[in-house]
Amino acid sequence: MMNKIIEEEFAFPVTYGDVTLNLRGFCFRPSELSEETKNLPPFVFNSGFTGGVSMYGQLFGRAMAQLGYNVTTYDVSGYFTNKAARNTTKVGDITVTNVSLEDQKIELLALIEWTKSRFGAMPAVASWAMGSVASLAAISDLAQAGGDQVSFYIPMSYTRLSALQNLRADAVGAHLAISELDDAAAIPPFDTGTGATRLGYYPLDPATQAYVDEQLGNYTQAGGVDQWPGCSHVTAKSYKTYVRFDPEGSLHEIAGKFPPALIVHGLDNTLHMPSESVRLHKVYPGDAGDAPLLVEGMEHGQQLTNDHPVFKLLVEKIDGGIRANCL
């Protein structure tokens, strides 16, 4: 096991339509590669809503680099270290963030290409929660294009985004009300469909930051940047596009090559339900093994700390899956 980890910052270009911007990325890599690890593929981590290096990316980055992987990760545009890059506007005294999973897909594809160029091979891709939806769209685009595909795919806590709305007290009423808002209208980042803030983006209790901290684990103030979620308001357009973003629904239409996968979910997750990954496993076009990996004792983010046995098990299973399929 490697002990010394080199951490580097880099910039990678992302083209959104006719605009190309540079985003900040972060690399975690071992100082030396052994004969055993030099043929491992590089490893890319992405996470949705806001995610990346400033939350779980640094955790997985260091853990996988300890095992000999060259890891890249990033914060999605509009958040944390890439807050000023794109997807934020000023409305009076508040900053309003537009959450775009289409942009996240484009950004991930650009990071995959940068990582391939830097390390000479297509990476394995591991994703968290909404990031698993964005990455499913990315590997679907790669399959449809017929070129190089990622070497291995690890979606964790995958959830078809419309399913999250079932956590709201009045899912139908909230959906209709947000759909009637102007796209640029500012709404809270969290709500459960009750009370004055029922028109929010993500179905979490907005009453206390402590609840959010409990749900997301210990990485809510990581990297010396904003406290999670890194924003105070999001656009109504964020919600409208989020519930329509459904790469799973078109998987059956794509004849291209999908990578082998390890589909992972916490058996005790009450935010992103395990049944979501069970369904994805059934419809996934590539080899995903006999069943998804449903981890006992794993909730959503509560167990993602270096010394927790659940996190250690995740790293072990991910490493084993990559080695079994890529070496």
C-alpha atoms as a PDB file:
ATOM      1  CA  MET A   1       0.000   0.000   0.000  1.00  0.00           C
ATOM      2  CA  MET A   2       1.303   3.436  -0.930  1.00  0.00           C
ATOM      3  CA  ASN A   3       1.930   5.925   1.871  1.00  0.00           C
ATOM      4  CA  LYS A   4       2.936   9.164   0.171  1.00  0.00           C
ATOM      5  CA  ILE A   5       0.183  10.807  -1.890  1.00  0.00           C
ATOM      6  CA  ILE A   6       0.890  13.689  -4.254  1.00  0.00           C
ATOM      7  CA  GLU A   7      -1.963  16.192  -4.552  1.00  0.00           C
ATOM      8  CA  GLU A   8      -2.001  18.479  -7.585  1.00  0.00           C
ATOM      9  CA  GLU A   9      -4.357  21.071  -9.003  1.00  0.00           C
ATOM     10  CA  PHE A  10      -4.901  21.337 -12.756  1.00  0.00           C
ATOM     11  CA  ALA A  11      -7.178  23.030 -15.282  1.00  0.00           C
ATOM     12  CA  PHE A  12      -9.173  21.173 -17.915  1.00  0.00           C
ATOM     13  CA  PRO A  13     -11.150  22.658 -20.824  1.00  0.00           C
ATOM     14  CA  VAL A  14     -14.896  22.106 -21.098  1.00  0.00           C
ATOM     15  CA  THR A  15     -16.922  23.118 -24.155  1.00  0.00           C
ATOM     16  CA  TYR A  16     -20.547  24.055 -23.498  1.00  0.00           C
ATOM     17  CA  GLY A  17     -22.067  24.614 -26.928  1.00  0.00           C
ATOM     18  CA  ASP A  18     -19.960  27.399 -28.454  1.00  0.00           C
ATOM     19  CA  VAL A  19     -18.258  28.426 -25.195  1.00  0.00           C
ATOM     20  CA  THR A  20     -15.090  26.774 -23.842  1.00  0.00           C
ATOM     21  CA  LEU A  21     -14.129  27.346 -20.211  1.00  0.00           C
ATOM     22  CA  ASN A  22     -11.396  25.980 -17.966  1.00  0.00           C
ATOM     23  CA  LEU A  23     -12.501  24.281 -14.744  1.00  0.00           C
ATOM     24  CA  ARG A  24     -10.283  23.496 -11.773  1.00  0.00           C
ATOM     25  CA  GLY A  25      -9.598  19.831 -11.190  1.00  0.00           C
ATOM     26  CA  PHE A  26      -7.617  17.965  -8.549  1.00  0.00           C
ATOM     27  CA  CYS A  27      -5.377  14.937  -8.866  1.00  0.00           C
ATOM     28  CA  PHE A  28      -4.409  12.477  -6.139  1.00  0.00           C
ATOM     29  CA  ARG A  29      -1.659  10.074  -7.132  1.00  0.00           C
ATOM     30  CA  PRO A  30       0.907   7.804  -5.518  1.00  0.00           C
ATOM     31  CA  SER A  31       4.465   9.051  -5.512  1.00  0.00           C
ATOM     32  CA  GLU A  32       5.572   5.765  -7.075  1.00  0.00           C
ATOM     33  CA  LEU A  33       3.902   2.949  -8.998  1.00  0.00           C
ATOM     34  CA  SER A  34       4.821  -0.647  -8.313  1.00  0.00           C
ATOM     35  CA  GLU A  35       4.906  -3.468 -10.850  1.00  0.00           C
ATOM     36  CA  GLU A  36       1.563  -4.562  -9.435  1.00  0.00           C
ATOM     37  CA  THR A  37      -0.179  -1.198  -9.855  1.00  0.00           C
ATOM     38  CA  LYS A  38       1.373   0.370 -12.949  1.00  0.00           C
ATOM     39  CA  ASN A  39      -1.234  -1.222 -15.234  1.00  0.00           C
ATOM     40  CA  LEU A  40      -4.236  -0.048 -13.218  1.00  0.00           C
ATOM     41  CA  PRO A  41      -6.481   2.369 -15.113  1.00  0.00           C
ATOM     42  CA  PRO A  42      -6.730   5.929 -13.830  1.00  0.00           C
ATOM     43  CA  PHE A  43      -9.740   6.672 -11.656  1.00  0.00           C
ATOM     44  CA  VAL A  44     -12.255   9.531 -12.015  1.00  0.00           C
ATOM     45  CA  PHE A  45     -14.694  10.515  -9.293  1.00  0.00           C
ATOM     46  CA  ASN A  46     -17.706  12.776  -9.804  1.00  0.00           C
ATOM     47  CA  SER A  47     -20.620  13.700  -7.597  1.00  0.00           C
ATOM     48  CA  GLY A  48     -23.886  15.484  -8.259  1.00  0.00           C
ATOM     49  CA  PHE A  49     -25.843  18.380  -6.958  1.00  0.00           C
ATOM     50  CA  THR A  50     -22.561  20.104  -6.118  1.00  0.00           C
ATOM     51  CA  GLY A  51     -20.038  17.421  -5.540  1.00  0.00           C
ATOM     52  CA  GLY A  52     -16.494  16.540  -6.230  1.00  0.00           C
ATOM     53  CA  VAL A  53     -13.197  17.285  -4.611  1.00  0.00           C
ATOM     54  CA  SER A  54     -14.590  19.567  -1.914  1.00  0.00           C
ATOM     55  CA  MET A  55     -16.656  16.704  -0.538  1.00  0.00           C
ATOM     56  CA  TYR A  56     -16.265  12.992  -1.214  1.00  0.00           C
ATOM     57  CA  GLY A  57     -13.829  13.358  -4.103  1.00  0.00           C
ATOM     58  CA  GLN A  58     -10.927  14.019  -1.762  1.00  0.00           C
ATOM     59  CA  LEU A  59     -11.925  11.062   0.409  1.00  0.00           C
ATOM     60  CA  PHE A  60     -12.069   8.559  -2.464  1.00  0.00           C
ATOM     61  CA  GLY A  61      -9.123  10.273  -4.135  1.00  0.00           C
ATOM     62  CA  ARG A  62      -6.734   9.679  -1.275  1.00  0.00           C
ATOM     63  CA  ALA A  63      -8.021   6.173  -0.554  1.00  0.00           C
ATOM     64  CA  MET A  64      -7.667   5.010  -4.160  1.00  0.00           C
ATOM     65  CA  ALA A  65      -4.293   6.718  -4.600  1.00  0.00           C
ATOM     66  CA  GLN A  66      -3.089   4.764  -1.566  1.00  0.00           C
ATOM     67  CA  LEU A  67      -3.847   1.623  -3.583  1.00  0.00           C
ATOM     68  CA  GLY A  68      -1.874   2.826  -6.594  1.00  0.00           C
ATOM     69  CA  TYR A  69      -4.477   4.666  -8.692  1.00  0.00           C
ATOM     70  CA  ASN A  70      -4.047   8.047 -10.359  1.00  0.00           C
ATOM     71  CA  VAL A  71      -7.260   9.835  -9.369  1.00  0.00           C
ATOM     72  CA  THR A  72      -8.886  12.962 -10.814  1.00  0.00           C
ATOM     73  CA  THR A  73     -11.940  14.768  -9.503  1.00  0.00           C
ATOM     74  CA  TYR A  74     -13.513  18.231  -9.608  1.00  0.00           C
ATOM     75  CA  ASP A  75     -16.285  20.468  -8.238  1.00  0.00           C
ATOM     76  CA  VAL A  76     -19.147  20.921 -10.684  1.00  0.00           C
ATOM     77  CA  SER A  77     -19.524  24.387 -12.205  1.00  0.00           C
ATOM     78  CA  GLY A  78     -21.294  26.869  -9.958  1.00  0.00           C
ATOM     79  CA  TYR A  79     -20.017  25.361  -6.710  1.00  0.00           C
ATOM     80  CA  PHE A  80     -17.053  25.452  -4.361  1.00  0.00           C
ATOM     81  CA  THR A  81     -13.743  25.772  -6.238  1.00  0.00           C
ATOM     82  CA  ASN A  82     -15.599  26.254  -9.567  1.00  0.00           C
ATOM     83  CA  LYS A  83     -18.286  28.553  -8.169  1.00  0.00           C
ATOM     84  CA  ALA A  84     -17.319  31.502 -10.375  1.00  0.00           C
ATOM     85  CA  ALA A  85     -16.918  29.501 -13.578  1.00  0.00           C
ATOM     86  CA  ARG A  86     -20.528  29.163 -14.679  1.00  0.00           C
ATOM     87  CA  ASN A  87     -24.143  28.669 -13.548  1.00  0.00           C
ATOM     88  CA  THR A  88     -24.362  31.472 -10.978  1.00  0.00           C
ATOM     89  CA  THR A  89     -26.109  34.848 -11.264  1.00  0.00           C
ATOM     90  CA  LYS A  90     -26.544  37.722  -8.841  1.00  0.00           C
ATOM     91  CA  VAL A  91     -30.116  38.739  -8.015  1.00  0.00           C
ATOM     92  CA  GLY A  92     -30.037  41.667  -5.636  1.00  0.00           C
ATOM     93  CA  ASP A  93     -27.978  40.597  -2.651  1.00  0.00           C
ATOM     94  CA  ILE A  94     -28.218  36.852  -3.275  1.00  0.00           C
ATOM     95  CA  THR A  95     -26.331  34.505  -5.552  1.00  0.00           C
ATOM     96  CA  VAL A  96     -28.633  32.116  -7.419  1.00  0.00           C
ATOM     97  CA  THR A  97     -27.178  28.859  -8.718  1.00  0.00           C
ATOM     98  CA  ASN A  98     -28.445  26.948 -11.732  1.00  0.00           C
ATOM     99  CA  VAL A  99     -28.016  23.188 -11.280  1.00  0.00           C
ATOM    100  CA  SER A 100     -27.511  21.569 -14.671  1.00  0.00           C
ATOM    101  CA  LEU A 101     -27.005  17.811 -14.957  1.00  0.00           C
ATOM    102  CA  GLU A 102     -26.518  18.305 -18.691  1.00  0.00           C
ATOM    103  CA  ASP A 103     -23.545  20.534 -17.872  1.00  0.00           C
ATOM    104  CA  GLN A 104     -22.307  17.954 -15.369  1.00  0.00           C
ATOM    105  CA  LYS A 105     -22.407  15.292 -18.078  1.00  0.00           C
ATOM    106  CA  ILE A 106     -20.399  17.527 -20.426  1.00  0.00           C
ATOM    107  CA  GLU A 107     -17.908  18.317 -17.654  1.00  0.00           C
ATOM    108  CA  LEU A 108     -17.437  14.664 -16.783  1.00  0.00           C
ATOM    109  CA  LEU A 109     -16.818  13.744 -20.418  1.00  0.00           C
ATOM    110  CA  ALA A 110     -14.195  16.504 -20.580  1.00  0.00           C
ATOM    111  CA  LEU A 111     -12.528  15.262 -17.388  1.00  0.00           C
ATOM    112  CA  ILE A 112     -12.499  11.696 -18.740  1.00  0.00           C
ATOM    113  CA  GLU A 113     -10.775  12.950 -21.899  1.00  0.00           C
ATOM    114  CA  TRP A 114      -8.245  15.002 -19.895  1.00  0.00           C
ATOM    115  CA  THR A 115      -7.508  12.035 -17.632  1.00  0.00           C
ATOM    116  CA  LYS A 116      -7.038   9.705 -20.593  1.00  0.00           C
ATOM    117  CA  SER A 117      -4.630  12.194 -22.192  1.00  0.00           C
ATOM    118  CA  ARG A 118      -2.695  12.698 -18.944  1.00  0.00           C
ATOM    119  CA  PHE A 119      -2.377   9.044 -17.924  1.00  0.00           C
ATOM    120  CA  GLY A 120      -2.619   7.218 -21.249  1.00  0.00           C
ATOM    121  CA  ALA A 121      -5.718   5.070 -20.664  1.00  0.00           C
ATOM    122  CA  MET A 122      -9.469   5.373 -20.300  1.00  0.00           C
ATOM    123  CA  PRO A 123     -10.311   5.672 -16.607  1.00  0.00           C
ATOM    124  CA  ALA A 124     -12.643   3.833 -14.319  1.00  0.00           C
ATOM    125  CA  VAL A 125     -15.443   6.182 -13.251  1.00  0.00           C
ATOM    126  CA  ALA A 126     -16.986   6.205  -9.785  1.00  0.00           C
ATOM    127  CA  SER A 127     -19.944   8.448  -9.057  1.00  0.00           C
ATOM    128  CA  TRP A 128     -22.009   9.465  -6.069  1.00  0.00           C
ATOM    129  CA  ALA A 129     -25.816  10.010  -5.932  1.00  0.00           C
ATOM    130  CA  MET A 130     -26.875  12.549  -8.596  1.00  0.00           C
ATOM    131  CA  GLY A 131     -23.407  12.223 -10.039  1.00  0.00           C
ATOM    132  CA  SER A 132     -24.310   8.638 -10.909  1.00  0.00           C
ATOM    133  CA  VAL A 133     -27.148   9.957 -13.072  1.00  0.00           C
ATOM    134  CA  ALA A 134     -24.814  12.398 -14.837  1.00  0.00           C
ATOM    135  CA  SER A 135     -22.203   9.658 -15.347  1.00  0.00           C
ATOM    136  CA  LEU A 136     -24.803   7.230 -16.712  1.00  0.00           C
ATOM    137  CA  ALA A 137     -25.601   9.872 -19.323  1.00  0.00           C
ATOM    138  CA  ALA A 138     -21.878  10.294 -20.060  1.00  0.00           C
ATOM    139  CA  ILE A 139     -21.138   6.598 -20.610  1.00  0.00           C
ATOM    140  CA  SER A 140     -24.328   6.333 -22.676  1.00  0.00           C
ATOM    141  CA  ASP A 141     -23.014   9.126 -24.919  1.00  0.00           C
ATOM    142  CA  LEU A 142     -19.682   7.296 -25.215  1.00  0.00           C
ATOM    143  CA  ALA A 143     -21.481   4.046 -26.092  1.00  0.00           C
ATOM    144  CA  GLN A 144     -23.545   5.780 -28.744  1.00  0.00           C
ATOM    145  CA  ALA A 145     -20.465   7.464 -30.219  1.00  0.00           C
ATOM    146  CA  GLY A 146     -18.779   4.078 -30.654  1.00  0.00           C
ATOM    147  CA  GLY A 147     -15.309   5.218 -29.608  1.00  0.00           C
ATOM    148  CA  ASP A 148     -13.359   4.527 -26.444  1.00  0.00           C
ATOM    149  CA  GLN A 149     -15.455   3.626 -23.430  1.00  0.00           C
ATOM    150  CA  VAL A 150     -14.496   3.989 -19.781  1.00  0.00           C
ATOM    151  CA  SER A 151     -12.851   0.878 -18.382  1.00  0.00           C
ATOM    152  CA  PHE A 152     -15.143   0.308 -15.387  1.00  0.00           C
ATOM    153  CA  TYR A 153     -18.201   2.045 -13.913  1.00  0.00           C
ATOM    154  CA  ILE A 154     -19.179   2.353 -10.243  1.00  0.00           C
ATOM    155  CA  PRO A 155     -22.475   4.193  -9.629  1.00  0.00           C
ATOM    156  CA  MET A 156     -23.109   4.600  -5.897  1.00  0.00           C
ATOM    157  CA  SER A 157     -26.476   5.601  -4.400  1.00  0.00           C
ATOM    158  CA  TYR A 158     -27.931   5.966  -7.912  1.00  0.00           C
ATOM    159  CA  THR A 159     -31.458   7.350  -7.971  1.00  0.00           C
ATOM    160  CA  ARG A 160     -33.744   8.186 -10.855  1.00  0.00           C
ATOM    161  CA  LEU A 161     -34.253  11.817  -9.957  1.00  0.00           C
ATOM    162  CA  SER A 162     -38.020  11.884 -10.278  1.00  0.00           C
ATOM    163  CA  ALA A 163     -38.123   9.198  -7.565  1.00  0.00           C
ATOM    164  CA  LEU A 164     -36.622  11.570  -5.014  1.00  0.00           C
ATOM    165  CA  GLN A 165     -39.759  13.669  -5.189  1.00  0.00           C
ATOM    166  CA  ASN A 166     -41.686  10.904  -3.440  1.00  0.00           C
ATOM    167  CA  LEU A 167     -39.992  12.053  -0.235  1.00  0.00           C
ATOM    168  CA  ARG A 168     -42.033  15.259  -0.325  1.00  0.00           C
ATOM    169  CA  ALA A 169     -45.170  15.542   1.769  1.00  0.00           C
ATOM    170  CA  ASP A 170     -47.055  16.732  -1.338  1.00  0.00           C
ATOM    171  CA  ALA A 171     -44.965  15.632  -4.303  1.00  0.00           C
ATOM    172  CA  VAL A 172     -47.628  16.382  -6.921  1.00  0.00           C
ATOM    173  CA  GLY A 173     -48.514  19.783  -5.500  1.00  0.00           C
ATOM    174  CA  ALA A 174     -44.891  20.881  -5.165  1.00  0.00           C
ATOM    175  CA  HIS A 175     -44.062  19.688  -8.680  1.00  0.00           C
ATOM    176  CA  LEU A 176     -46.960  21.601 -10.228  1.00  0.00           C
ATOM    177  CA  ALA A 177     -46.185  24.739  -8.252  1.00  0.00           C
ATOM    178  CA  ILE A 178     -42.478  24.792  -9.158  1.00  0.00           C
ATOM    179  CA  SER A 179     -43.314  24.037 -12.795  1.00  0.00           C
ATOM    180  CA  GLU A 180     -45.418  27.214 -12.917  1.00  0.00           C
ATOM    181  CA  LEU A 181     -42.568  29.427 -11.686  1.00  0.00           C
ATOM    182  CA  ASP A 182     -40.408  31.451 -14.043  1.00  0.00           C
ATOM    183  CA  ASP A 183     -37.208  29.561 -14.910  1.00  0.00           C
ATOM    184  CA  ALA A 184     -35.090  32.237 -13.222  1.00  0.00           C
ATOM    185  CA  ALA A 185     -37.099  32.266  -9.990  1.00  0.00           C
ATOM    186  CA  ALA A 186     -34.980  31.640  -6.886  1.00  0.00           C
ATOM    187  CA  ILE A 187     -36.041  28.693  -4.715  1.00  0.00           C
ATOM    188  CA  PRO A 188     -34.430  27.135  -1.601  1.00  0.00           C
ATOM    189  CA  PRO A 189     -31.971  24.277  -2.129  1.00  0.00           C
ATOM    190  CA  PHE A 190     -33.897  21.989   0.260  1.00  0.00           C
ATOM    191  CA  ASP A 191     -37.456  21.154   1.243  1.00  0.00           C
ATOM    192  CA  THR A 192     -39.785  18.266   1.966  1.00  0.00           C
ATOM    193  CA  GLY A 193     -42.890  19.896   0.518  1.00  0.00           C
ATOM    194  CA  THR A 194     -44.237  21.329   3.747  1.00  0.00           C
ATOM    195  CA  GLY A 195     -44.779  24.825   5.087  1.00  0.00           C
ATOM    196  CA  ALA A 196     -43.565  28.066   3.605  1.00  0.00           C
ATOM    197  CA  THR A 197     -40.529  26.541   1.885  1.00  0.00           C
ATOM    198  CA  ARG A 198     -42.326  23.715   0.111  1.00  0.00           C
ATOM    199  CA  LEU A 199     -41.074  24.932  -3.259  1.00  0.00           C
ATOM    200  CA  GLY A 200     -37.469  23.840  -2.934  1.00  0.00           C
ATOM    201  CA  TYR A 201     -35.079  21.869  -5.118  1.00  0.00           C
ATOM    202  CA  TYR A 202     -33.916  18.827  -3.183  1.00  0.00           C
ATOM    203  CA  PRO A 203     -36.061  16.808  -0.751  1.00  0.00           C
ATOM    204  CA  LEU A 204     -34.202  17.341   2.502  1.00  0.00           C
ATOM    205  CA  ASP A 205     -35.521  18.982   5.642  1.00  0.00           C
ATOM    206  CA  PRO A 206     -34.479  22.667   5.351  1.00  0.00           C
ATOM    207  CA  ALA A 207     -35.076  23.486   9.008  1.00  0.00           C
ATOM    208  CA  THR A 208     -31.556  22.937  10.312  1.00  0.00           C
ATOM    209  CA  GLN A 209     -28.081  22.671   8.870  1.00  0.00           C
ATOM    210  CA  ALA A 210     -27.504  19.980  11.495  1.00  0.00           C
ATOM    211  CA  TYR A 211     -29.916  17.660   9.695  1.00  0.00           C
ATOM    212  CA  VAL A 212     -28.102  18.218   6.414  1.00  0.00           C
ATOM    213  CA  ASP A 213     -24.759  17.626   8.111  1.00  0.00           C
ATOM    214  CA  GLU A 214     -26.066  14.351   9.529  1.00  0.00           C
ATOM    215  CA  GLN A 215     -27.322  13.196   6.132  1.00  0.00           C
ATOM    216  CA  LEU A 216     -24.147  14.046   4.274  1.00  0.00           C
ATOM    217  CA  GLY A 217     -21.549  12.995   6.814  1.00  0.00           C
ATOM    218  CA  ASN A 218     -18.420  14.860   7.836  1.00  0.00           C
ATOM    219  CA  TYR A 219     -17.570  16.500   4.511  1.00  0.00           C
ATOM    220  CA  THR A 220     -19.867  19.516   4.759  1.00  0.00           C
ATOM    221  CA  GLN A 221     -17.036  22.036   5.240  1.00  0.00           C
ATOM    222  CA  ALA A 222     -14.272  20.518   3.186  1.00  0.00           C
ATOM    223  CA  GLY A 223     -11.458  22.040   1.220  1.00  0.00           C
ATOM    224  CA  GLY A 224     -11.650  25.387   2.999  1.00  0.00           C
ATOM    225  CA  VAL A 225     -14.589  26.537   0.894  1.00  0.00           C
ATOM    226  CA  ASP A 226     -18.307  27.070   1.392  1.00  0.00           C
ATOM    227  CA  GLN A 227     -20.312  24.889   3.718  1.00  0.00           C
ATOM    228  CA  TRP A 228     -22.341  22.268   1.889  1.00  0.00           C
ATOM    229  CA  PRO A 229     -24.416  22.736  -0.258  1.00  0.00           C
ATOM    230  CA  GLY A 230     -22.398  25.762  -1.361  1.00  0.00           C
ATOM    231  CA  CYS A 231     -25.439  27.835  -2.273  1.00  0.00           C
ATOM    232  CA  SER A 232     -28.426  29.547  -0.658  1.00  0.00           C
ATOM    233  CA  HIS A 233     -30.800  29.594  -3.654  1.00  0.00           C
ATOM    234  CA  VAL A 234     -31.145  27.669  -6.910  1.00  0.00           C
ATOM    235  CA  THR A 235     -33.207  28.429 -10.000  1.00  0.00           C
ATOM    236  CA  ALA A 236     -36.610  26.925 -10.625  1.00  0.00           C
ATOM    237  CA  LYS A 237     -35.121  25.815 -13.953  1.00  0.00           C
ATOM    238  CA  SER A 238     -32.761  23.600 -11.941  1.00  0.00           C
ATOM    239  CA  TYR A 239     -35.700  21.587 -10.661  1.00  0.00           C
ATOM    240  CA  LYS A 240     -37.544  21.490 -13.988  1.00  0.00           C
ATOM    241  CA  THR A 241     -34.571  20.134 -15.923  1.00  0.00           C
ATOM    242  CA  TYR A 242     -33.534  17.840 -13.074  1.00  0.00           C
ATOM    243  CA  VAL A 243     -36.757  15.829 -13.070  1.00  0.00           C
ATOM    244  CA  ARG A 244     -36.623  15.474 -16.879  1.00  0.00           C
ATOM    245  CA  PHE A 245     -32.992  14.292 -16.952  1.00  0.00           C
ATOM    246  CA  ASP A 246     -33.381  10.532 -17.303  1.00  0.00           C
ATOM    247  CA  PRO A 247     -30.611   8.657 -19.165  1.00  0.00           C
ATOM    248  CA  GLU A 248     -31.921   5.375 -17.745  1.00  0.00           C
ATOM    249  CA  GLY A 249     -35.104   5.741 -19.788  1.00  0.00           C
ATOM    250  CA  SER A 250     -33.222   5.529 -23.093  1.00  0.00           C
ATOM    251  CA  LEU A 251     -30.698   2.794 -22.250  1.00  0.00           C
ATOM    252  CA  HIS A 252     -32.678   0.257 -24.298  1.00  0.00           C
ATOM    253  CA  GLU A 253     -32.213   2.412 -27.415  1.00  0.00           C
ATOM    254  CA  ILE A 254     -28.401   2.337 -27.351  1.00  0.00           C
ATOM    255  CA  ALA A 255     -26.613  -0.514 -29.084  1.00  0.00           C
ATOM    256  CA  GLY A 256     -23.072   0.568 -28.220  1.00  0.00           C
ATOM    257  CA  LYS A 257     -20.641  -0.896 -25.701  1.00  0.00           C
ATOM    258  CA  PHE A 258     -21.215  -0.240 -22.011  1.00  0.00           C
ATOM    259  CA  PRO A 259     -18.444  -0.874 -19.487  1.00  0.00           C
ATOM    260  CA  PRO A 260     -18.561  -3.559 -16.813  1.00  0.00           C
ATOM    261  CA  ALA A 261     -20.066  -2.111 -13.666  1.00  0.00           C
ATOM    262  CA  LEU A 262     -20.316  -2.477  -9.918  1.00  0.00           C
ATOM    263  CA  ILE A 263     -23.629  -0.931  -8.857  1.00  0.00           C
ATOM    264  CA  VAL A 264     -23.446   0.034  -5.164  1.00  0.00           C
ATOM    265  CA  HIS A 265     -26.115   1.143  -2.712  1.00  0.00           C
ATOM    266  CA  GLY A 266     -26.497   1.426   1.046  1.00  0.00           C
ATOM    267  CA  LEU A 267     -29.100  -1.024   2.281  1.00  0.00           C
ATOM    268  CA  ASP A 268     -30.099   1.453   5.013  1.00  0.00           C
ATOM    269  CA  ASN A 269     -30.242   4.520   2.775  1.00  0.00           C
ATOM    270  CA  THR A 270     -33.564   6.311   3.323  1.00  0.00           C
ATOM    271  CA  LEU A 271     -32.712   9.282   1.109  1.00  0.00           C
ATOM    272  CA  HIS A 272     -31.751   7.488  -2.112  1.00  0.00           C
ATOM    273  CA  MET A 273     -33.611   4.203  -1.945  1.00  0.00           C
ATOM    274  CA  PRO A 274     -31.822   0.846  -2.581  1.00  0.00           C
ATOM    275  CA  SER A 275     -34.627  -0.202  -4.954  1.00  0.00           C
ATOM    276  CA  GLU A 276     -33.297   2.405  -7.404  1.00  0.00           C
ATOM    277  CA  SER A 277     -29.997   0.565  -7.854  1.00  0.00           C
ATOM    278  CA  VAL A 278     -31.802  -2.787  -8.004  1.00  0.00           C
ATOM    279  CA  ARG A 279     -33.808  -1.475 -10.952  1.00  0.00           C
ATOM    280  CA  LEU A 280     -30.740   0.022 -12.644  1.00  0.00           C
ATOM    281  CA  HIS A 281     -28.995  -3.336 -12.337  1.00  0.00           C
ATOM    282  CA  LYS A 282     -31.864  -5.028 -14.184  1.00  0.00           C
ATOM    283  CA  VAL A 283     -31.786  -2.615 -17.136  1.00  0.00           C
ATOM    284  CA  TYR A 284     -28.044  -1.885 -17.323  1.00  0.00           C
ATOM    285  CA  PRO A 285     -26.770  -2.926 -20.802  1.00  0.00           C
ATOM    286  CA  GLY A 286     -23.301  -3.999 -19.678  1.00  0.00           C
ATOM    287  CA  ASP A 287     -22.011  -6.703 -17.356  1.00  0.00           C
ATOM    288  CA  ALA A 288     -22.938  -5.655 -13.817  1.00  0.00           C
ATOM    289  CA  GLY A 289     -22.508  -9.017 -12.120  1.00  0.00           C
ATOM    290  CA  ASP A 290     -25.253 -11.160 -10.688  1.00  0.00           C
ATOM    291  CA  ALA A 291     -26.660  -8.462  -8.390  1.00  0.00           C
ATOM    292  CA  PRO A 292     -25.961  -4.939  -7.155  1.00  0.00           C
ATOM    293  CA  LEU A 293     -23.777  -4.574  -4.074  1.00  0.00           C
ATOM    294  CA  LEU A 294     -26.225  -3.653  -1.288  1.00  0.00           C
ATOM    295  CA  VAL A 295     -24.122  -2.771   1.741  1.00  0.00           C
ATOM    296  CA  GLU A 296     -25.504  -3.538   5.181  1.00  0.00           C
ATOM    297  CA  GLY A 297     -25.144  -0.700   7.670  1.00  0.00           C
ATOM    298  CA  MET A 298     -24.618   1.887   4.925  1.00  0.00           C
ATOM    299  CA  GLU A 299     -26.930   4.897   4.910  1.00  0.00           C
ATOM    300  CA  HIS A 300     -26.348   7.831   2.560  1.00  0.00           C
ATOM    301  CA  GLY A 301     -23.169   9.683   3.478  1.00  0.00           C
ATOM    302  CA  GLN A 302     -22.899   9.003   7.162  1.00  0.00           C
ATOM    303  CA  GLN A 303     -20.312   6.220   6.848  1.00  0.00           C
ATOM    304  CA  LEU A 304     -17.993   7.995   4.404  1.00  0.00           C
ATOM    305  CA  THR A 305     -15.013   8.565   6.658  1.00  0.00           C
ATOM    306  CA  ASN A 306     -11.515   7.142   6.356  1.00  0.00           C
ATOM    307  CA  ASP A 307     -11.675   4.797   9.314  1.00  0.00           C
ATOM    308  CA  HIS A 308     -15.261   3.551   8.978  1.00  0.00           C
ATOM    309  CA  PRO A 309     -15.562  -0.161   8.127  1.00  0.00           C
ATOM    310  CA  VAL A 310     -18.296   0.551   5.558  1.00  0.00           C
ATOM    311  CA  PHE A 311     -16.053   2.971   3.672  1.00  0.00           C
ATOM    312  CA  LYS A 312     -13.163   0.521   3.850  1.00  0.00           C
ATOM    313  CA  LEU A 313     -15.442  -2.163   2.400  1.00  0.00           C
ATOM    314  CA  LEU A 314     -16.482   0.167  -0.451  1.00  0.00           C
ATOM    315  CA  VAL A 315     -12.860   0.845  -1.376  1.00  0.00           C
ATOM    316  CA  GLU A 316     -12.026  -2.865  -1.191  1.00  0.00           C
ATOM    317  CA  LYS A 317     -14.949  -3.842  -3.451  1.00  0.00           C
ATOM    318  CA  ILE A 318     -14.256  -1.051  -5.950  1.00  0.00           C
ATOM    319  CA  ASP A 319     -10.566  -1.949  -6.145  1.00  0.00           C
ATOM    320  CA  GLY A 320     -11.415  -5.631  -6.528  1.00  0.00           C
ATOM    321  CA  GLY A 321     -13.915  -4.945  -9.299  1.00  0.00           C
ATOM    322  CA  ILE A 322     -11.458  -2.857 -11.255  1.00  0.00           C
ATOM    323  CA  ARG A 323      -8.659  -5.391 -10.928  1.00  0.00           C
ATOM    324  CA  ALA A 324     -10.927  -8.286 -11.918  1.00  0.00           C
ATOM    325  CA  ASN A 325     -12.180  -6.489 -15.036  1.00  0.00           C
ATOM    326  CA  CYS A 326      -9.252  -4.325 -16.150  1.00  0.00           C
ATOM    327  CA  LEU A 327      -6.060  -6.300 -15.501  1.00  0.00           C
END
